Amino acid sequence: MATFEAQVEGLTGINIDSSTNPTQTQLTQFLRDGVIDVINRITRIKESAERYQAKRNEANGITTETTTESTSSNGDDMPW
C-alpha cells in the first residue's frame, strides 16, 4: 500500500520533501491533526447518540445502565 505521502504526491502531482511547500513535516502534522479531529468528532457523535438513546429509552420506560468510557490518545481502547 502506498504511503500517505505517495498518495498526496499522486493526487496533487507535486513531490513532497523537506524543501518543498508543504514539507514532509507539515504534511505529517496535517495528517495527524486530521486523524485527531476525526476521532474527536466520532467520539462526540457517539456520546450524543448515547444520550439520545437514553432519553428515548426513558420515555419508553426502558431502564438501561450507562457507562462512560475514556479513550487514550492513540485510540487503542476505542469501543468500535
N, C-alpha and C. Protein backbone atom coordinates (compact mmCIF):
# COMPACT_ATOMS: atom_id res chain seq x y z
N MET A 1 0.85 -1.17 0.00
CA MET A 1 0.00 0.00 0.00
C MET A 1 0.90 1.24 0.00
N ALA A 2 0.52 2.22 -0.76
CA ALA A 2 1.29 3.45 -0.86
C ALA A 2 1.18 4.25 0.44
N THR A 3 2.23 5.00 0.74
CA THR A 3 2.21 5.86 1.92
C THR A 3 1.28 7.03 1.66
N PHE A 4 0.90 7.74 2.73
CA PHE A 4 0.08 8.93 2.56
C PHE A 4 0.83 9.94 1.68
N GLU A 5 2.12 10.06 1.91
CA GLU A 5 2.91 10.99 1.11
C GLU A 5 2.83 10.64 -0.37
N ALA A 6 2.98 9.38 -0.71
CA ALA A 6 2.91 8.95 -2.10
C ALA A 6 1.52 9.21 -2.68
N GLN A 7 0.49 8.99 -1.87
CA GLN A 7 -0.87 9.23 -2.34
C GLN A 7 -1.11 10.72 -2.58
N VAL A 8 -0.61 11.57 -1.67
CA VAL A 8 -0.75 13.02 -1.85
C VAL A 8 0.01 13.46 -3.09
N GLU A 9 1.21 12.94 -3.26
CA GLU A 9 2.00 13.29 -4.45
C GLU A 9 1.28 12.85 -5.72
N GLY A 10 0.69 11.68 -5.69
CA GLY A 10 -0.04 11.19 -6.86
C GLY A 10 -1.27 12.03 -7.18
N LEU A 11 -1.99 12.45 -6.14
CA LEU A 11 -3.20 13.24 -6.34
C LEU A 11 -2.91 14.68 -6.75
N THR A 12 -1.83 15.23 -6.20
CA THR A 12 -1.54 16.64 -6.46
C THR A 12 -0.54 16.87 -7.58
N GLY A 13 0.24 15.84 -7.91
CA GLY A 13 1.26 15.99 -8.95
C GLY A 13 2.48 16.76 -8.49
N ILE A 14 2.65 16.92 -7.17
CA ILE A 14 3.85 17.59 -6.67
C ILE A 14 4.66 16.61 -5.82
N ASN A 15 5.96 16.78 -5.83
CA ASN A 15 6.84 15.97 -4.99
C ASN A 15 6.98 16.67 -3.65
N ILE A 16 6.91 15.90 -2.58
CA ILE A 16 7.00 16.46 -1.24
C ILE A 16 8.28 15.97 -0.60
N ASP A 17 9.11 16.91 -0.17
CA ASP A 17 10.31 16.58 0.59
C ASP A 17 10.56 17.67 1.60
N SER A 18 11.72 17.66 2.21
CA SER A 18 12.00 18.61 3.29
C SER A 18 12.15 20.04 2.81
N SER A 19 12.25 20.26 1.48
CA SER A 19 12.44 21.63 1.00
C SER A 19 11.24 22.15 0.20
N THR A 20 10.17 21.38 0.13
CA THR A 20 9.00 21.82 -0.64
C THR A 20 7.98 22.49 0.27
N ASN A 21 6.97 23.05 -0.34
CA ASN A 21 5.86 23.64 0.42
C ASN A 21 4.59 22.93 0.00
N PRO A 22 3.97 22.07 0.80
CA PRO A 22 4.31 21.79 2.18
C PRO A 22 5.50 20.84 2.29
N THR A 23 6.16 20.89 3.44
CA THR A 23 7.27 19.98 3.70
C THR A 23 6.71 18.65 4.17
N GLN A 24 7.59 17.65 4.26
CA GLN A 24 7.17 16.35 4.79
C GLN A 24 6.66 16.50 6.23
N THR A 25 7.33 17.34 6.99
CA THR A 25 6.92 17.55 8.38
C THR A 25 5.54 18.18 8.45
N GLN A 26 5.28 19.18 7.60
CA GLN A 26 3.97 19.82 7.59
C GLN A 26 2.88 18.85 7.15
N LEU A 27 3.17 18.03 6.16
CA LEU A 27 2.19 17.04 5.70
C LEU A 27 1.89 16.05 6.82
N THR A 28 2.93 15.58 7.50
CA THR A 28 2.74 14.65 8.61
C THR A 28 1.87 15.27 9.70
N GLN A 29 2.14 16.52 10.06
CA GLN A 29 1.36 17.20 11.10
C GLN A 29 -0.09 17.38 10.65
N PHE A 30 -0.29 17.73 9.38
CA PHE A 30 -1.64 17.90 8.84
C PHE A 30 -2.42 16.59 8.95
N LEU A 31 -1.78 15.48 8.60
CA LEU A 31 -2.44 14.18 8.67
C LEU A 31 -2.75 13.80 10.11
N ARG A 32 -1.81 14.04 11.02
CA ARG A 32 -2.06 13.74 12.44
C ARG A 32 -3.22 14.58 12.97
N ASP A 33 -3.20 15.88 12.66
CA ASP A 33 -4.29 16.76 13.11
C ASP A 33 -5.64 16.29 12.56
N GLY A 34 -5.63 15.82 11.30
CA GLY A 34 -6.87 15.33 10.69
C GLY A 34 -7.40 14.10 11.39
N VAL A 35 -6.51 13.19 11.74
CA VAL A 35 -6.93 11.97 12.44
C VAL A 35 -7.50 12.31 13.80
N ILE A 36 -6.83 13.20 14.53
CA ILE A 36 -7.32 13.61 15.85
C ILE A 36 -8.69 14.26 15.72
N ASP A 37 -8.87 15.12 14.72
CA ASP A 37 -10.15 15.78 14.51
C ASP A 37 -11.26 14.77 14.24
N VAL A 38 -10.99 13.80 13.38
CA VAL A 38 -12.00 12.78 13.05
C VAL A 38 -12.35 11.96 14.29
N ILE A 39 -11.36 11.55 15.06
CA ILE A 39 -11.62 10.77 16.27
C ILE A 39 -12.46 11.57 17.26
N ASN A 40 -12.12 12.84 17.43
CA ASN A 40 -12.89 13.69 18.35
C ASN A 40 -14.33 13.84 17.88
N ARG A 41 -14.54 14.00 16.58
CA ARG A 41 -15.90 14.14 16.06
C ARG A 41 -16.69 12.85 16.24
N ILE A 42 -16.07 11.72 16.00
CA ILE A 42 -16.75 10.43 16.17
C ILE A 42 -17.12 10.24 17.64
N THR A 43 -16.22 10.61 18.53
CA THR A 43 -16.49 10.49 19.96
C THR A 43 -17.69 11.35 20.36
N ARG A 44 -17.75 12.59 19.86
CA ARG A 44 -18.88 13.47 20.18
C ARG A 44 -20.18 12.91 19.61
N ILE A 45 -20.13 12.39 18.40
CA ILE A 45 -21.33 11.81 17.80
C ILE A 45 -21.80 10.61 18.62
N LYS A 46 -20.86 9.76 19.03
CA LYS A 46 -21.20 8.58 19.82
C LYS A 46 -21.83 8.99 21.15
N GLU A 47 -21.24 9.98 21.82
CA GLU A 47 -21.79 10.43 23.09
C GLU A 47 -23.19 11.03 22.90
N SER A 48 -23.37 11.78 21.84
CA SER A 48 -24.68 12.37 21.55
C SER A 48 -25.71 11.28 21.28
N ALA A 49 -25.31 10.27 20.53
CA ALA A 49 -26.22 9.17 20.22
C ALA A 49 -26.59 8.40 21.48
N GLU A 50 -25.63 8.24 22.39
CA GLU A 50 -25.92 7.54 23.64
C GLU A 50 -26.92 8.33 24.49
N ARG A 51 -26.74 9.66 24.55
CA ARG A 51 -27.69 10.49 25.31
C ARG A 51 -29.08 10.42 24.69
N TYR A 52 -29.14 10.48 23.37
CA TYR A 52 -30.42 10.39 22.67
C TYR A 52 -31.11 9.06 22.97
N GLN A 53 -30.34 7.98 22.89
CA GLN A 53 -30.91 6.66 23.14
C GLN A 53 -31.38 6.54 24.58
N ALA A 54 -30.63 7.09 25.52
CA ALA A 54 -31.02 7.03 26.93
C ALA A 54 -32.34 7.78 27.15
N LYS A 55 -32.48 8.95 26.53
CA LYS A 55 -33.74 9.71 26.65
C LYS A 55 -34.89 8.95 26.02
N ARG A 56 -34.62 8.33 24.89
CA ARG A 56 -35.66 7.55 24.21
C ARG A 56 -36.09 6.36 25.06
N ASN A 57 -35.10 5.68 25.63
CA ASN A 57 -35.41 4.53 26.49
C ASN A 57 -36.21 4.97 27.71
N GLU A 58 -35.80 6.11 28.30
CA GLU A 58 -36.50 6.61 29.47
C GLU A 58 -37.96 6.94 29.13
N ALA A 59 -38.17 7.55 27.98
CA ALA A 59 -39.53 7.90 27.55
C ALA A 59 -40.37 6.65 27.33
N ASN A 60 -39.73 5.55 26.96
CA ASN A 60 -40.46 4.31 26.71
C ASN A 60 -40.46 3.37 27.92
N GLY A 61 -39.93 3.87 29.05
CA GLY A 61 -39.95 3.06 30.27
C GLY A 61 -38.91 1.96 30.30
N ILE A 62 -37.88 2.08 29.50
CA ILE A 62 -36.82 1.07 29.46
C ILE A 62 -35.67 1.55 30.34
N THR A 63 -35.25 0.69 31.26
CA THR A 63 -34.14 1.04 32.14
C THR A 63 -32.85 0.46 31.56
N THR A 64 -31.84 1.33 31.42
CA THR A 64 -30.55 0.87 30.93
C THR A 64 -29.45 1.38 31.83
N GLU A 65 -28.36 0.67 31.85
CA GLU A 65 -27.20 1.08 32.62
C GLU A 65 -26.27 1.84 31.69
N THR A 66 -25.85 3.03 32.08
CA THR A 66 -24.96 3.82 31.25
C THR A 66 -23.58 3.85 31.87
N THR A 67 -22.57 3.82 31.01
CA THR A 67 -21.19 3.91 31.45
C THR A 67 -20.49 4.95 30.61
N THR A 68 -19.46 5.53 31.18
CA THR A 68 -18.63 6.48 30.43
C THR A 68 -17.29 5.83 30.20
N GLU A 69 -16.93 5.72 28.94
CA GLU A 69 -15.65 5.11 28.59
C GLU A 69 -14.66 6.20 28.24
N SER A 70 -13.46 6.08 28.76
CA SER A 70 -12.42 7.03 28.39
C SER A 70 -11.58 6.40 27.29
N THR A 71 -11.05 7.25 26.42
CA THR A 71 -10.23 6.76 25.33
C THR A 71 -8.84 7.36 25.43
N SER A 72 -7.86 6.58 25.07
CA SER A 72 -6.50 7.10 25.06
C SER A 72 -6.26 7.83 23.76
N SER A 73 -5.20 8.62 23.73
CA SER A 73 -4.92 9.42 22.54
C SER A 73 -4.57 8.58 21.33
N ASN A 74 -4.14 7.33 21.55
CA ASN A 74 -3.79 6.51 20.39
C ASN A 74 -4.96 5.67 19.89
N GLY A 75 -6.09 5.70 20.55
CA GLY A 75 -7.28 5.02 20.08
C GLY A 75 -7.30 3.53 20.27
N ASP A 76 -6.31 2.95 21.02
CA ASP A 76 -6.25 1.51 21.18
C ASP A 76 -7.46 0.94 21.89
N ASP A 77 -8.10 1.72 22.75
CA ASP A 77 -9.21 1.18 23.50
C ASP A 77 -10.56 1.68 22.98
N MET A 78 -10.61 2.07 21.72
CA MET A 78 -11.87 2.53 21.15
C MET A 78 -12.85 1.37 21.12
N PRO A 79 -14.08 1.60 21.51
CA PRO A 79 -15.05 0.52 21.64
C PRO A 79 -15.55 -0.05 20.32
N TRP A 80 -15.27 0.54 19.21
CA TRP A 80 -15.77 0.02 17.94
C TRP A 80 -14.72 -0.56 17.10
